[in-house]
């Protein structure tokens, strides 16, 4: 099962919580990147995509086009 389909199964409340957690993780990684102590720079890209994915699914659910 893909990541997007897992997110689509979540409720709006769960998605909002997941979004908040992912944004906090991205914030922490940005600080690590600024202090040059970031182990895997690819994690920044992964988290940004995850946030965009969650925003898209939340928008689908609010528009009524989601499953």
PDB file of N, CA and C in Angstrom:
ATOM      1  N   UNK A   1       0.845  -1.171   0.000  1.00  0.00           N
ATOM      2  CA  UNK A   1       0.000   0.000   0.000  1.00  0.00           C
ATOM      3  C   UNK A   1       0.896   1.241   0.000  1.00  0.00           C
ATOM      4  N   UNK A   2       0.545   2.188  -0.833  1.00  0.00           N
ATOM      5  CA  UNK A   2       1.373   3.386  -0.939  1.00  0.00           C
ATOM      6  C   UNK A   2       1.104   4.340   0.221  1.00  0.00           C
ATOM      7  N   UNK A   3       1.999   5.295   0.356  1.00  0.00           N
ATOM      8  CA  UNK A   3       1.888   6.261   1.446  1.00  0.00           C
ATOM      9  C   UNK A   3       0.620   7.114   1.313  1.00  0.00           C
ATOM     10  N   UNK A   4       0.294   7.504   0.094  1.00  0.00           N
ATOM     11  CA  UNK A   4      -0.890   8.337  -0.129  1.00  0.00           C
ATOM     12  C   UNK A   4      -2.161   7.585   0.238  1.00  0.00           C
ATOM     13  N   UNK A   5      -2.220   6.313  -0.084  1.00  0.00           N
ATOM     14  CA  UNK A   5      -3.431   5.557   0.245  1.00  0.00           C
ATOM     15  C   UNK A   5      -3.565   5.374   1.757  1.00  0.00           C
ATOM     16  N   UNK A   6      -2.444   5.249   2.452  1.00  0.00           N
ATOM     17  CA  UNK A   6      -2.495   5.173   3.915  1.00  0.00           C
ATOM     18  C   UNK A   6      -3.031   6.479   4.487  1.00  0.00           C
ATOM     19  N   UNK A   7      -2.587   7.595   3.927  1.00  0.00           N
ATOM     20  CA  UNK A   7      -3.047   8.896   4.410  1.00  0.00           C
ATOM     21  C   UNK A   7      -4.528   9.111   4.098  1.00  0.00           C
ATOM     22  N   UNK A   8      -4.984   8.620   2.951  1.00  0.00           N
ATOM     23  CA  UNK A   8      -6.385   8.798   2.581  1.00  0.00           C
ATOM     24  C   UNK A   8      -7.320   8.040   3.516  1.00  0.00           C
ATOM     25  N   UNK A   9      -6.827   6.992   4.163  1.00  0.00           N
ATOM     26  CA  UNK A   9      -7.643   6.233   5.100  1.00  0.00           C
ATOM     27  C   UNK A   9      -7.801   6.939   6.446  1.00  0.00           C
ATOM     28  N   UNK A  10      -6.960   7.916   6.711  1.00  0.00           N
ATOM     29  CA  UNK A  10      -7.005   8.640   7.981  1.00  0.00           C
ATOM     30  C   UNK A  10      -8.149   9.651   7.986  1.00  0.00           C
ATOM     31  N   UNK A  11      -8.597   9.980   9.191  1.00  0.00           N
ATOM     32  CA  UNK A  11      -9.617  11.016   9.336  1.00  0.00           C
ATOM     33  C   UNK A  11      -8.950  12.385   9.241  1.00  0.00           C
ATOM     34  N   UNK A  12      -9.763  13.412   9.157  1.00  0.00           N
ATOM     35  CA  UNK A  12      -9.251  14.775   9.058  1.00  0.00           C
ATOM     36  C   UNK A  12      -8.454  15.138  10.309  1.00  0.00           C
ATOM     37  N   UNK A  13      -8.921  14.689  11.477  1.00  0.00           N
ATOM     38  CA  UNK A  13      -8.218  14.976  12.726  1.00  0.00           C
ATOM     39  C   UNK A  13      -6.847  14.299  12.743  1.00  0.00           C
ATOM     40  N   UNK A  14      -6.802  13.053  12.282  1.00  0.00           N
ATOM     41  CA  UNK A  14      -5.531  12.335  12.236  1.00  0.00           C
ATOM     42  C   UNK A  14      -4.577  12.996  11.248  1.00  0.00           C
ATOM     43  N   UNK A  15      -5.108  13.431  10.113  1.00  0.00           N
ATOM     44  CA  UNK A  15      -4.271  14.105   9.118  1.00  0.00           C
ATOM     45  C   UNK A  15      -3.725  15.418   9.664  1.00  0.00           C
ATOM     46  N   UNK A  16      -4.547  16.150  10.379  1.00  0.00           N
ATOM     47  CA  UNK A  16      -4.096  17.417  10.959  1.00  0.00           C
ATOM     48  C   UNK A  16      -2.984  17.180  11.968  1.00  0.00           C
ATOM     49  N   UNK A  17      -3.131  16.149  12.777  1.00  0.00           N
ATOM     50  CA  UNK A  17      -2.090  15.812  13.745  1.00  0.00           C
ATOM     51  C   UNK A  17      -0.810  15.386  13.031  1.00  0.00           C
ATOM     52  N   UNK A  18      -0.946  14.555  11.993  1.00  0.00           N
ATOM     53  CA  UNK A  18       0.209  14.099  11.214  1.00  0.00           C
ATOM     54  C   UNK A  18       0.914  15.285  10.556  1.00  0.00           C
ATOM     55  N   UNK A  19       0.142  16.230  10.058  1.00  0.00           N
ATOM     56  CA  UNK A  19       0.705  17.423   9.434  1.00  0.00           C
ATOM     57  C   UNK A  19       1.513  18.230  10.440  1.00  0.00           C
ATOM     58  N   UNK A  20       0.956  18.414  11.626  1.00  0.00           N
ATOM     59  CA  UNK A  20       1.647  19.165  12.667  1.00  0.00           C
ATOM     60  C   UNK A  20       2.965  18.489  13.059  1.00  0.00           C
ATOM     61  N   UNK A  21       2.929  17.184  13.225  1.00  0.00           N
ATOM     62  CA  UNK A  21       4.135  16.430  13.584  1.00  0.00           C
ATOM     63  C   UNK A  21       5.196  16.518  12.488  1.00  0.00           C
ATOM     64  N   UNK A  22       4.771  16.396  11.244  1.00  0.00           N
ATOM     65  CA  UNK A  22       5.707  16.442  10.124  1.00  0.00           C
ATOM     66  C   UNK A  22       6.321  17.829   9.990  1.00  0.00           C
ATOM     67  N   UNK A  23       5.534  18.867  10.209  1.00  0.00           N
ATOM     68  CA  UNK A  23       6.063  20.232  10.158  1.00  0.00           C
ATOM     69  C   UNK A  23       7.079  20.463  11.272  1.00  0.00           C
ATOM     70  N   UNK A  24       6.835  19.906  12.442  1.00  0.00           N
ATOM     71  CA  UNK A  24       7.794  20.036  13.534  1.00  0.00           C
ATOM     72  C   UNK A  24       9.092  19.299  13.218  1.00  0.00           C
ATOM     73  N   UNK A  25       8.978  18.127  12.604  1.00  0.00           N
ATOM     74  CA  UNK A  25      10.172  17.380  12.193  1.00  0.00           C
ATOM     75  C   UNK A  25      10.981  18.174  11.170  1.00  0.00           C
ATOM     76  N   UNK A  26      10.291  18.787  10.211  1.00  0.00           N
ATOM     77  CA  UNK A  26      10.973  19.591   9.199  1.00  0.00           C
ATOM     78  C   UNK A  26      11.671  20.783   9.842  1.00  0.00           C
ATOM     79  N   UNK A  27      11.025  21.406  10.815  1.00  0.00           N
ATOM     80  CA  UNK A  27      11.615  22.544  11.525  1.00  0.00           C
ATOM     81  C   UNK A  27      12.922  22.130  12.207  1.00  0.00           C
ATOM     82  N   UNK A  28      12.891  20.958  12.878  1.00  0.00           N
ATOM     83  CA  UNK A  28      14.097  20.460  13.546  1.00  0.00           C
ATOM     84  C   UNK A  28      15.209  20.169  12.537  1.00  0.00           C
ATOM     85  N   UNK A  29      14.848  19.580  11.418  1.00  0.00           N
ATOM     86  CA  UNK A  29      15.852  19.266  10.402  1.00  0.00           C
ATOM     87  C   UNK A  29      16.460  20.531   9.796  1.00  0.00           C
ATOM     88  N   UNK A  30      15.654  21.565   9.653  1.00  0.00           N
ATOM     89  CA  UNK A  30      16.186  22.821   9.120  1.00  0.00           C
ATOM     90  C   UNK A  30      17.218  23.426  10.071  1.00  0.00           C
ATOM     91  N   UNK A  31      16.981  23.294  11.355  1.00  0.00           N
ATOM     92  CA  UNK A  31      17.970  23.778  12.316  1.00  0.00           C
ATOM     93  C   UNK A  31      19.248  22.963  12.240  1.00  0.00           C
ATOM     94  N   UNK A  32      19.108  21.652  12.078  1.00  0.00           N
ATOM     95  CA  UNK A  32      20.291  20.812  11.934  1.00  0.00           C
ATOM     96  C   UNK A  32      21.049  21.169  10.659  1.00  0.00           C
ATOM     97  N   UNK A  33      20.329  21.460   9.601  1.00  0.00           N
ATOM     98  CA  UNK A  33      20.979  21.826   8.339  1.00  0.00           C
ATOM     99  C   UNK A  33      21.715  23.154   8.484  1.00  0.00           C
ATOM    100  N   UNK A  34      21.142  24.075   9.231  1.00  0.00           N
ATOM    101  CA  UNK A  34      21.781  25.374   9.433  1.00  0.00           C
ATOM    102  C   UNK A  34      23.062  25.240  10.254  1.00  0.00           C
ATOM    103  N   UNK A  35      23.075  24.293  11.173  1.00  0.00           N
ATOM    104  CA  UNK A  35      24.265  24.095  11.999  1.00  0.00           C
ATOM    105  C   UNK A  35      25.203  23.050  11.398  1.00  0.00           C
ATOM    106  N   UNK A  36      24.903  22.615  10.185  1.00  0.00           N
ATOM    107  CA  UNK A  36      25.719  21.664   9.437  1.00  0.00           C
ATOM    108  C   UNK A  36      25.883  20.328  10.159  1.00  0.00           C
ATOM    109  N   UNK A  37      24.870  19.900  10.865  1.00  0.00           N
ATOM    110  CA  UNK A  37      24.912  18.614  11.553  1.00  0.00           C
ATOM    111  C   UNK A  37      23.847  17.668  11.014  1.00  0.00           C
ATOM    112  N   UNK A  38      23.448  17.896   9.775  1.00  0.00           N
ATOM    113  CA  UNK A  38      22.407  17.086   9.172  1.00  0.00           C
ATOM    114  C   UNK A  38      23.022  15.832   8.554  1.00  0.00           C
ATOM    115  N   UNK A  39      22.535  14.670   8.978  1.00  0.00           N
ATOM    116  CA  UNK A  39      23.088  13.399   8.505  1.00  0.00           C
ATOM    117  C   UNK A  39      22.612  13.062   7.097  1.00  0.00           C
ATOM    118  N   UNK A  40      21.321  13.236   6.842  1.00  0.00           N
ATOM    119  CA  UNK A  40      20.745  12.864   5.547  1.00  0.00           C
ATOM    120  C   UNK A  40      19.964  14.040   4.968  1.00  0.00           C
ATOM    121  N   UNK A  41      20.588  14.811   4.094  1.00  0.00           N
ATOM    122  CA  UNK A  41      19.893  15.963   3.509  1.00  0.00           C
ATOM    123  C   UNK A  41      18.641  15.578   2.721  1.00  0.00           C
ATOM    124  N   UNK A  42      18.570  14.342   2.264  1.00  0.00           N
ATOM    125  CA  UNK A  42      17.395  13.914   1.502  1.00  0.00           C
ATOM    126  C   UNK A  42      16.133  13.883   2.365  1.00  0.00           C
ATOM    127  N   UNK A  43      16.302  13.847   3.682  1.00  0.00           N
ATOM    128  CA  UNK A  43      15.132  13.855   4.567  1.00  0.00           C
ATOM    129  C   UNK A  43      14.350  15.154   4.468  1.00  0.00           C
ATOM    130  N   UNK A  44      15.020  16.268   4.173  1.00  0.00           N
ATOM    131  CA  UNK A  44      14.320  17.539   4.003  1.00  0.00           C
ATOM    132  C   UNK A  44      13.334  17.439   2.843  1.00  0.00           C
ATOM    133  N   UNK A  45      13.777  16.894   1.738  1.00  0.00           N
ATOM    134  CA  UNK A  45      12.925  16.745   0.563  1.00  0.00           C
ATOM    135  C   UNK A  45      11.767  15.797   0.853  1.00  0.00           C
ATOM    136  N   UNK A  46      12.049  14.710   1.552  1.00  0.00           N
ATOM    137  CA  UNK A  46      11.008  13.729   1.876  1.00  0.00           C
ATOM    138  C   UNK A  46       9.925  14.355   2.746  1.00  0.00           C
ATOM    139  N   UNK A  47      10.343  15.147   3.729  1.00  0.00           N
ATOM    140  CA  UNK A  47       9.363  15.762   4.626  1.00  0.00           C
ATOM    141  C   UNK A  47       8.541  16.830   3.911  1.00  0.00           C
ATOM    142  N   UNK A  48       9.189  17.602   3.038  1.00  0.00           N
ATOM    143  CA  UNK A  48       8.438  18.608   2.272  1.00  0.00           C
ATOM    144  C   UNK A  48       7.389  17.944   1.388  1.00  0.00           C
ATOM    145  N   UNK A  49       7.749  16.839   0.778  1.00  0.00           N
ATOM    146  CA  UNK A  49       6.788  16.107  -0.061  1.00  0.00           C
ATOM    147  C   UNK A  49       5.663  15.512   0.782  1.00  0.00           C
ATOM    148  N   UNK A  50       6.003  15.023   1.960  1.00  0.00           N
ATOM    149  CA  UNK A  50       4.995  14.468   2.859  1.00  0.00           C
ATOM    150  C   UNK A  50       3.998  15.548   3.271  1.00  0.00           C
ATOM    151  N   UNK A  51       4.497  16.737   3.577  1.00  0.00           N
ATOM    152  CA  UNK A  51       3.618  17.843   3.960  1.00  0.00           C
ATOM    153  C   UNK A  51       2.704  18.207   2.794  1.00  0.00           C
ATOM    154  N   UNK A  52       3.249  18.276   1.593  1.00  0.00           N
ATOM    155  CA  UNK A  52       2.442  18.589   0.413  1.00  0.00           C
ATOM    156  C   UNK A  52       1.383  17.511   0.183  1.00  0.00           C
ATOM    157  N   UNK A  53       1.760  16.257   0.386  1.00  0.00           N
ATOM    158  CA  UNK A  53       0.826  15.141   0.211  1.00  0.00           C
ATOM    159  C   UNK A  53      -0.331  15.257   1.201  1.00  0.00           C
ATOM    160  N   UNK A  54      -0.025  15.581   2.446  1.00  0.00           N
ATOM    161  CA  UNK A  54      -1.065  15.717   3.470  1.00  0.00           C
ATOM    162  C   UNK A  54      -1.976  16.893   3.142  1.00  0.00           C
ATOM    163  N   UNK A  55      -1.393  18.023   2.718  1.00  0.00           N
ATOM    164  CA  UNK A  55      -2.197  19.181   2.340  1.00  0.00           C
ATOM    165  C   UNK A  55      -3.142  18.831   1.194  1.00  0.00           C
ATOM    166  N   UNK A  56      -2.661  18.087   0.221  1.00  0.00           N
ATOM    167  CA  UNK A  56      -3.482  17.696  -0.925  1.00  0.00           C
ATOM    168  C   UNK A  56      -4.656  16.836  -0.485  1.00  0.00           C
ATOM    169  N   UNK A  57      -4.392  15.868   0.367  1.00  0.00           N
ATOM    170  CA  UNK A  57      -5.462  14.971   0.815  1.00  0.00           C
ATOM    171  C   UNK A  57      -6.461  15.718   1.689  1.00  0.00           C
ATOM    172  N   UNK A  58      -5.982  16.631   2.532  1.00  0.00           N
ATOM    173  CA  UNK A  58      -6.902  17.448   3.329  1.00  0.00           C
ATOM    174  C   UNK A  58      -7.791  18.296   2.422  1.00  0.00           C
ATOM    175  N   UNK A  59      -7.209  18.845   1.364  1.00  0.00           N
ATOM    176  CA  UNK A  59      -7.988  19.644   0.421  1.00  0.00           C
ATOM    177  C   UNK A  59      -9.032  18.779  -0.295  1.00  0.00           C
ATOM    178  N   UNK A  60      -8.645  17.564  -0.679  1.00  0.00           N
ATOM    179  CA  UNK A  60      -9.587  16.649  -1.323  1.00  0.00           C
ATOM    180  C   UNK A  60     -10.751  16.340  -0.402  1.00  0.00           C
ATOM    181  N   UNK A  61     -10.445  16.082   0.863  1.00  0.00           N
ATOM    182  CA  UNK A  61     -11.501  15.745   1.816  1.00  0.00           C
ATOM    183  C   UNK A  61     -12.420  16.940   2.069  1.00  0.00           C
ATOM    184  N   UNK A  62     -11.863  18.134   2.132  1.00  0.00           N
ATOM    185  CA  UNK A  62     -12.691  19.313   2.380  1.00  0.00           C
ATOM    186  C   UNK A  62     -13.526  19.656   1.160  1.00  0.00           C
ATOM    187  N   UNK A  63     -13.045  19.327  -0.040  1.00  0.00           N
ATOM    188  CA  UNK A  63     -13.802  19.589  -1.263  1.00  0.00           C
ATOM    189  C   UNK A  63     -14.826  18.495  -1.536  1.00  0.00           C
ATOM    190  N   UNK A  64     -14.717  17.389  -0.814  1.00  0.00           N
ATOM    191  CA  UNK A  64     -15.674  16.309  -0.976  1.00  0.00           C
ATOM    192  C   UNK A  64     -15.317  15.357  -2.106  1.00  0.00           C
ATOM    193  N   UNK A  65     -14.108  15.464  -2.649  1.00  0.00           N
ATOM    194  CA  UNK A  65     -13.728  14.561  -3.731  1.00  0.00           C
ATOM    195  C   UNK A  65     -12.964  13.365  -3.224  1.00  0.00           C
ATOM    196  N   UNK A  66     -12.585  13.370  -1.960  1.00  0.00           N
ATOM    197  CA  UNK A  66     -11.807  12.268  -1.389  1.00  0.00           C
ATOM    198  C   UNK A  66     -12.674  11.069  -1.092  1.00  0.00           C
ATOM    199  N   UNK A  67     -12.022   9.942  -0.855  1.00  0.00           N
ATOM    200  CA  UNK A  67     -12.759   8.701  -0.577  1.00  0.00           C
ATOM    201  C   UNK A  67     -13.223   8.649   0.849  1.00  0.00           C
TER     202      UNK A  67
END
